[in-house]
Each structure stands twice: as structure tokens, then as C-alpha cells.
Amino acid sequence: MDNTKNTYNVTGMGCTACAARIETILKNQGGVSEAKVNFAEKTVEVTHTVSIQHLQEALQPAGYSLI
């Protein structure tokens, strides 16, 4: 799979600590080369080679979702 850069809306993010946690979770996934959260807009820009399902599964245990 090619490297893709996408922006996703994030649910469950209520504070800047949540934003940092989301970035950390995503950056620790194999196949993710970059993750940048925009807390004000409740979005995350991710450069990845894995499916969105993989990203979702990484975030769900912490209470976050991508839409």
C-alpha cells in the first residue's frame, strides 16, 4: 500500500492531553509515518500505509474514534 496523507475528524477528544495521546497512539503504529492533531478543529492528519480500520482499532481502546 502506498503512503497516504488523510485528515480525519476525531471523536472523544476533549482536552489537549487527549490530543497528545492520540498522536502518540497513532505514531506508535507500524505503517504510520506522521500524525498531527489539530485540537481546535478536532481533526488529525495522518500519513500512513495502513487501513483506516487499523487506525480505528488502535484508538478505540482509549475511547477515540475517527470519522
PDB file of N, CA and C in Angstrom:
ATOM      1  N   MET A   1       0.843  -1.175   0.000  1.00  0.00           N
ATOM      2  CA  MET A   1       0.000   0.000   0.000  1.00  0.00           C
ATOM      3  C   MET A   1       0.891   1.242   0.000  1.00  0.00           C
ATOM      4  N   ASP A   2       0.507   2.254  -0.781  1.00  0.00           N
ATOM      5  CA  ASP A   2       1.276   3.494  -0.860  1.00  0.00           C
ATOM      6  C   ASP A   2       1.042   4.374   0.359  1.00  0.00           C
ATOM      7  N   ASN A   3       2.010   5.240   0.628  1.00  0.00           N
ATOM      8  CA  ASN A   3       1.863   6.218   1.697  1.00  0.00           C
ATOM      9  C   ASN A   3       0.737   7.183   1.340  1.00  0.00           C
ATOM     10  N   THR A   4      -0.217   7.355   2.233  1.00  0.00           N
ATOM     11  CA  THR A   4      -1.345   8.250   2.010  1.00  0.00           C
ATOM     12  C   THR A   4      -1.409   9.258   3.134  1.00  0.00           C
ATOM     13  N   LYS A   5      -1.799  10.482   2.796  1.00  0.00           N
ATOM     14  CA  LYS A   5      -1.991  11.519   3.806  1.00  0.00           C
ATOM     15  C   LYS A   5      -3.472  11.866   3.814  1.00  0.00           C
ATOM     16  N   ASN A   6      -4.114  11.643   4.970  1.00  0.00           N
ATOM     17  CA  ASN A   6      -5.548  11.919   5.110  1.00  0.00           C
ATOM     18  C   ASN A   6      -5.795  12.706   6.380  1.00  0.00           C
ATOM     19  N   THR A   7      -6.873  13.470   6.371  1.00  0.00           N
ATOM     20  CA  THR A   7      -7.321  14.178   7.561  1.00  0.00           C
ATOM     21  C   THR A   7      -8.643  13.570   7.991  1.00  0.00           C
ATOM     22  N   TYR A   8      -8.720  13.219   9.275  1.00  0.00           N
ATOM     23  CA  TYR A   8      -9.918  12.592   9.827  1.00  0.00           C
ATOM     24  C   TYR A   8     -10.450  13.435  10.980  1.00  0.00           C
ATOM     25  N   ASN A   9     -11.755  13.472  11.147  1.00  0.00           N
ATOM     26  CA  ASN A   9     -12.366  14.049  12.338  1.00  0.00           C
ATOM     27  C   ASN A   9     -12.195  13.055  13.466  1.00  0.00           C
ATOM     28  N   VAL A  10     -11.999  13.563  14.683  1.00  0.00           N
ATOM     29  CA  VAL A  10     -11.783  12.714  15.854  1.00  0.00           C
ATOM     30  C   VAL A  10     -12.907  12.941  16.855  1.00  0.00           C
ATOM     31  N   THR A  11     -13.499  11.856  17.346  1.00  0.00           N
ATOM     32  CA  THR A  11     -14.483  11.975  18.415  1.00  0.00           C
ATOM     33  C   THR A  11     -13.848  11.490  19.718  1.00  0.00           C
ATOM     34  N   GLY A  12     -14.323  12.039  20.831  1.00  0.00           N
ATOM     35  CA  GLY A  12     -13.830  11.630  22.136  1.00  0.00           C
ATOM     36  C   GLY A  12     -12.655  12.452  22.638  1.00  0.00           C
ATOM     37  N   MET A  13     -12.197  13.426  21.837  1.00  0.00           N
ATOM     38  CA  MET A  13     -11.048  14.246  22.215  1.00  0.00           C
ATOM     39  C   MET A  13     -11.557  15.503  22.921  1.00  0.00           C
ATOM     40  N   GLY A  14     -11.323  15.595  24.243  1.00  0.00           N
ATOM     41  CA  GLY A  14     -11.870  16.708  24.999  1.00  0.00           C
ATOM     42  C   GLY A  14     -10.847  17.687  25.548  1.00  0.00           C
ATOM     43  N   CYS A  15      -9.568  17.367  25.430  1.00  0.00           N
ATOM     44  CA  CYS A  15      -8.550  18.259  26.002  1.00  0.00           C
ATOM     45  C   CYS A  15      -7.233  18.101  25.232  1.00  0.00           C
ATOM     46  N   THR A  16      -6.287  18.973  25.539  1.00  0.00           N
ATOM     47  CA  THR A  16      -5.008  18.906  24.832  1.00  0.00           C
ATOM     48  C   THR A  16      -4.221  17.650  25.201  1.00  0.00           C
ATOM     49  N   ALA A  17      -4.435  17.139  26.408  1.00  0.00           N
ATOM     50  CA  ALA A  17      -3.776  15.876  26.781  1.00  0.00           C
ATOM     51  C   ALA A  17      -4.303  14.740  25.909  1.00  0.00           C
ATOM     52  N   CYS A  18      -5.598  14.776  25.588  1.00  0.00           N
ATOM     53  CA  CYS A  18      -6.182  13.778  24.683  1.00  0.00           C
ATOM     54  C   CYS A  18      -5.525  13.871  23.313  1.00  0.00           C
ATOM     55  N   ALA A  19      -5.324  15.099  22.840  1.00  0.00           N
ATOM     56  CA  ALA A  19      -4.701  15.307  21.529  1.00  0.00           C
ATOM     57  C   ALA A  19      -3.309  14.684  21.502  1.00  0.00           C
ATOM     58  N   ALA A  20      -2.539  14.915  22.563  1.00  0.00           N
ATOM     59  CA  ALA A  20      -1.189  14.343  22.633  1.00  0.00           C
ATOM     60  C   ALA A  20      -1.243  12.829  22.678  1.00  0.00           C
ATOM     61  N   ARG A  21      -2.209  12.290  23.391  1.00  0.00           N
ATOM     62  CA  ARG A  21      -2.345  10.826  23.493  1.00  0.00           C
ATOM     63  C   ARG A  21      -2.682  10.222  22.131  1.00  0.00           C
ATOM     64  N   ILE A  22      -3.572  10.867  21.405  1.00  0.00           N
ATOM     65  CA  ILE A  22      -3.946  10.380  20.069  1.00  0.00           C
ATOM     66  C   ILE A  22      -2.732  10.365  19.154  1.00  0.00           C
ATOM     67  N   GLU A  23      -1.964  11.443  19.160  1.00  0.00           N
ATOM     68  CA  GLU A  23      -0.742  11.487  18.340  1.00  0.00           C
ATOM     69  C   GLU A  23       0.196  10.350  18.709  1.00  0.00           C
ATOM     70  N   THR A  24       0.395  10.136  20.000  1.00  0.00           N
ATOM     71  CA  THR A  24       1.298   9.076  20.456  1.00  0.00           C
ATOM     72  C   THR A  24       0.808   7.702  20.026  1.00  0.00           C
ATOM     73  N   ILE A  25      -0.473   7.442  20.222  1.00  0.00           N
ATOM     74  CA  ILE A  25      -1.032   6.141  19.828  1.00  0.00           C
ATOM     75  C   ILE A  25      -0.815   5.899  18.347  1.00  0.00           C
ATOM     76  N   LEU A  26      -1.144   6.899  17.529  1.00  0.00           N
ATOM     77  CA  LEU A  26      -1.028   6.718  16.079  1.00  0.00           C
ATOM     78  C   LEU A  26       0.426   6.602  15.636  1.00  0.00           C
ATOM     79  N   LYS A  27       1.299   7.435  16.186  1.00  0.00           N
ATOM     80  CA  LYS A  27       2.717   7.389  15.795  1.00  0.00           C
ATOM     81  C   LYS A  27       3.380   6.065  16.172  1.00  0.00           C
ATOM     82  N   ASN A  28       2.841   5.386  17.178  1.00  0.00           N
ATOM     83  CA  ASN A  28       3.402   4.110  17.599  1.00  0.00           C
ATOM     84  C   ASN A  28       2.900   2.929  16.771  1.00  0.00           C
ATOM     85  N   GLN A  29       2.031   3.192  15.813  1.00  0.00           N
ATOM     86  CA  GLN A  29       1.521   2.133  14.945  1.00  0.00           C
ATOM     87  C   GLN A  29       2.479   1.914  13.786  1.00  0.00           C
ATOM     88  N   GLY A  30       2.777   0.662  13.499  1.00  0.00           N
ATOM     89  CA  GLY A  30       3.545   0.360  12.302  1.00  0.00           C
ATOM     90  C   GLY A  30       2.762   0.828  11.088  1.00  0.00           C
ATOM     91  N   GLY A  31       3.421   1.446  10.155  1.00  0.00           N
ATOM     92  CA  GLY A  31       2.751   1.927   8.950  1.00  0.00           C
ATOM     93  C   GLY A  31       2.290   3.371   9.041  1.00  0.00           C
ATOM     94  N   VAL A  32       2.519   4.019  10.192  1.00  0.00           N
ATOM     95  CA  VAL A  32       2.187   5.440  10.343  1.00  0.00           C
ATOM     96  C   VAL A  32       3.489   6.217  10.420  1.00  0.00           C
ATOM     97  N   SER A  33       3.706   7.123   9.468  1.00  0.00           N
ATOM     98  CA  SER A  33       4.946   7.891   9.478  1.00  0.00           C
ATOM     99  C   SER A  33       4.770   9.258  10.118  1.00  0.00           C
ATOM    100  N   GLU A  34       3.518   9.753  10.184  1.00  0.00           N
ATOM    101  CA  GLU A  34       3.283  11.055  10.798  1.00  0.00           C
ATOM    102  C   GLU A  34       1.837  11.149  11.266  1.00  0.00           C
ATOM    103  N   ALA A  35       1.632  11.827  12.390  1.00  0.00           N
ATOM    104  CA  ALA A  35       0.288  12.101  12.899  1.00  0.00           C
ATOM    105  C   ALA A  35       0.318  13.461  13.579  1.00  0.00           C
ATOM    106  N   LYS A  36      -0.545  14.374  13.126  1.00  0.00           N
ATOM    107  CA  LYS A  36      -0.618  15.720  13.696  1.00  0.00           C
ATOM    108  C   LYS A  36      -2.068  16.027  14.049  1.00  0.00           C
ATOM    109  N   VAL A  37      -2.322  16.268  15.324  1.00  0.00           N
ATOM    110  CA  VAL A  37      -3.671  16.584  15.787  1.00  0.00           C
ATOM    111  C   VAL A  37      -3.868  18.098  15.779  1.00  0.00           C
ATOM    112  N   ASN A  38      -5.044  18.518  15.308  1.00  0.00           N
ATOM    113  CA  ASN A  38      -5.469  19.910  15.431  1.00  0.00           C
ATOM    114  C   ASN A  38      -6.600  19.897  16.449  1.00  0.00           C
ATOM    115  N   PHE A  39      -6.281  20.248  17.703  1.00  0.00           N
ATOM    116  CA  PHE A  39      -7.267  20.172  18.776  1.00  0.00           C
ATOM    117  C   PHE A  39      -8.447  21.108  18.526  1.00  0.00           C
ATOM    118  N   ALA A  40      -8.182  22.309  18.060  1.00  0.00           N
ATOM    119  CA  ALA A  40      -9.245  23.291  17.836  1.00  0.00           C
ATOM    120  C   ALA A  40     -10.272  22.802  16.826  1.00  0.00           C
ATOM    121  N   GLU A  41      -9.801  22.097  15.813  1.00  0.00           N
ATOM    122  CA  GLU A  41     -10.702  21.606  14.769  1.00  0.00           C
ATOM    123  C   GLU A  41     -11.149  20.166  14.998  1.00  0.00           C
ATOM    124  N   LYS A  42     -10.598  19.529  16.056  1.00  0.00           N
ATOM    125  CA  LYS A  42     -10.926  18.130  16.366  1.00  0.00           C
ATOM    126  C   LYS A  42     -10.624  17.208  15.183  1.00  0.00           C
ATOM    127  N   THR A  43      -9.434  17.406  14.585  1.00  0.00           N
ATOM    128  CA  THR A  43      -9.016  16.577  13.456  1.00  0.00           C
ATOM    129  C   THR A  43      -7.602  16.046  13.693  1.00  0.00           C
ATOM    130  N   VAL A  44      -7.256  15.036  12.907  1.00  0.00           N
ATOM    131  CA  VAL A  44      -5.890  14.529  12.900  1.00  0.00           C
ATOM    132  C   VAL A  44      -5.500  14.273  11.449  1.00  0.00           C
ATOM    133  N   GLU A  45      -4.307  14.713  11.092  1.00  0.00           N
ATOM    134  CA  GLU A  45      -3.751  14.461   9.768  1.00  0.00           C
ATOM    135  C   GLU A  45      -2.742  13.326   9.924  1.00  0.00           C
ATOM    136  N   VAL A  46      -2.966  12.252   9.189  1.00  0.00           N
ATOM    137  CA  VAL A  46      -2.144  11.053   9.334  1.00  0.00           C
ATOM    138  C   VAL A  46      -1.546  10.668   7.984  1.00  0.00           C
ATOM    139  N   THR A  47      -0.246  10.425   7.975  1.00  0.00           N
ATOM    140  CA  THR A  47       0.426   9.871   6.807  1.00  0.00           C
ATOM    141  C   THR A  47       0.672   8.403   7.132  1.00  0.00           C
ATOM    142  N   HIS A  48       0.094   7.518   6.318  1.00  0.00           N
ATOM    143  CA  HIS A  48       0.106   6.095   6.678  1.00  0.00           C
ATOM    144  C   HIS A  48       0.041   5.192   5.455  1.00  0.00           C
ATOM    145  N   THR A  49       0.368   3.926   5.725  1.00  0.00           N
ATOM    146  CA  THR A  49       0.250   2.886   4.696  1.00  0.00           C
ATOM    147  C   THR A  49      -0.740   1.816   5.130  1.00  0.00           C
ATOM    148  N   VAL A  50      -1.312   1.976   6.322  1.00  0.00           N
ATOM    149  CA  VAL A  50      -2.268   1.002   6.856  1.00  0.00           C
ATOM    150  C   VAL A  50      -3.694   1.487   6.618  1.00  0.00           C
ATOM    151  N   SER A  51      -4.649   0.600   6.815  1.00  0.00           N
ATOM    152  CA  SER A  51      -6.054   0.949   6.590  1.00  0.00           C
ATOM    153  C   SER A  51      -6.587   1.833   7.715  1.00  0.00           C
ATOM    154  N   ILE A  52      -7.669   2.539   7.408  1.00  0.00           N
ATOM    155  CA  ILE A  52      -8.328   3.344   8.437  1.00  0.00           C
ATOM    156  C   ILE A  52      -8.855   2.434   9.547  1.00  0.00           C
ATOM    157  N   GLN A  53      -9.226   1.233   9.199  1.00  0.00           N
ATOM    158  CA  GLN A  53      -9.699   0.269  10.202  1.00  0.00           C
ATOM    159  C   GLN A  53      -8.592  -0.004  11.224  1.00  0.00           C
ATOM    160  N   HIS A  54      -7.367  -0.147  10.755  1.00  0.00           N
ATOM    161  CA  HIS A  54      -6.228  -0.363  11.656  1.00  0.00           C
ATOM    162  C   HIS A  54      -6.070   0.828  12.604  1.00  0.00           C
ATOM    163  N   LEU A  55      -6.195   2.034  12.077  1.00  0.00           N
ATOM    164  CA  LEU A  55      -6.079   3.234  12.906  1.00  0.00           C
ATOM    165  C   LEU A  55      -7.209   3.282  13.932  1.00  0.00           C
ATOM    166  N   GLN A  56      -8.415   2.951  13.480  1.00  0.00           N
ATOM    167  CA  GLN A  56      -9.578   2.925  14.382  1.00  0.00           C
ATOM    168  C   GLN A  56      -9.358   1.934  15.528  1.00  0.00           C
ATOM    169  N   GLU A  57      -8.900   0.756  15.189  1.00  0.00           N
ATOM    170  CA  GLU A  57      -8.685  -0.285  16.197  1.00  0.00           C
ATOM    171  C   GLU A  57      -7.622   0.128  17.211  1.00  0.00           C
ATOM    172  N   ALA A  58      -6.652   0.917  16.786  1.00  0.00           N
ATOM    173  CA  ALA A  58      -5.618   1.396  17.708  1.00  0.00           C
ATOM    174  C   ALA A  58      -6.185   2.430  18.678  1.00  0.00           C
ATOM    175  N   LEU A  59      -7.119   3.251  18.221  1.00  0.00           N
ATOM    176  CA  LEU A  59      -7.661   4.339  19.044  1.00  0.00           C
ATOM    177  C   LEU A  59      -8.844   3.933  19.920  1.00  0.00           C
ATOM    178  N   GLN A  60      -9.615   2.958  19.482  1.00  0.00           N
ATOM    179  CA  GLN A  60     -10.843   2.592  20.201  1.00  0.00           C
ATOM    180  C   GLN A  60     -10.641   2.227  21.666  1.00  0.00           C
ATOM    181  N   PRO A  61      -9.628   1.449  22.046  1.00  0.00           N
ATOM    182  CA  PRO A  61      -9.465   1.111  23.459  1.00  0.00           C
ATOM    183  C   PRO A  61      -9.269   2.340  24.350  1.00  0.00           C
ATOM    184  N   ALA A  62      -8.770   3.429  23.785  1.00  0.00           N
ATOM    185  CA  ALA A  62      -8.549   4.663  24.555  1.00  0.00           C
ATOM    186  C   ALA A  62      -9.776   5.567  24.519  1.00  0.00           C
ATOM    187  N   GLY A  63     -10.817   5.177  23.784  1.00  0.00           N
ATOM    188  CA  GLY A  63     -12.046   5.945  23.755  1.00  0.00           C
ATOM    189  C   GLY A  63     -12.171   6.961  22.639  1.00  0.00           C
ATOM    190  N   TYR A  64     -11.327   6.838  21.611  1.00  0.00           N
ATOM    191  CA  TYR A  64     -11.371   7.775  20.493  1.00  0.00           C
ATOM    192  C   TYR A  64     -11.821   7.073  19.224  1.00  0.00           C
ATOM    193  N   SER A  65     -12.348   7.854  18.302  1.00  0.00           N
ATOM    194  CA  SER A  65     -12.808   7.313  17.018  1.00  0.00           C
ATOM    195  C   SER A  65     -12.476   8.287  15.903  1.00  0.00           C
ATOM    196  N   LEU A  66     -12.217   7.741  14.728  1.00  0.00           N
ATOM    197  CA  LEU A  66     -12.028   8.557  13.530  1.00  0.00           C
ATOM    198  C   LEU A  66     -13.292   8.499  12.699  1.00  0.00           C
ATOM    199  N   ILE A  67     -13.708   9.651  12.174  1.00  0.00           N
ATOM    200  CA  ILE A  67     -14.879   9.660  11.284  1.00  0.00           C
ATOM    201  C   ILE A  67     -14.565  10.468  10.047  1.00  0.00           C
TER     202      ILE A  67
END
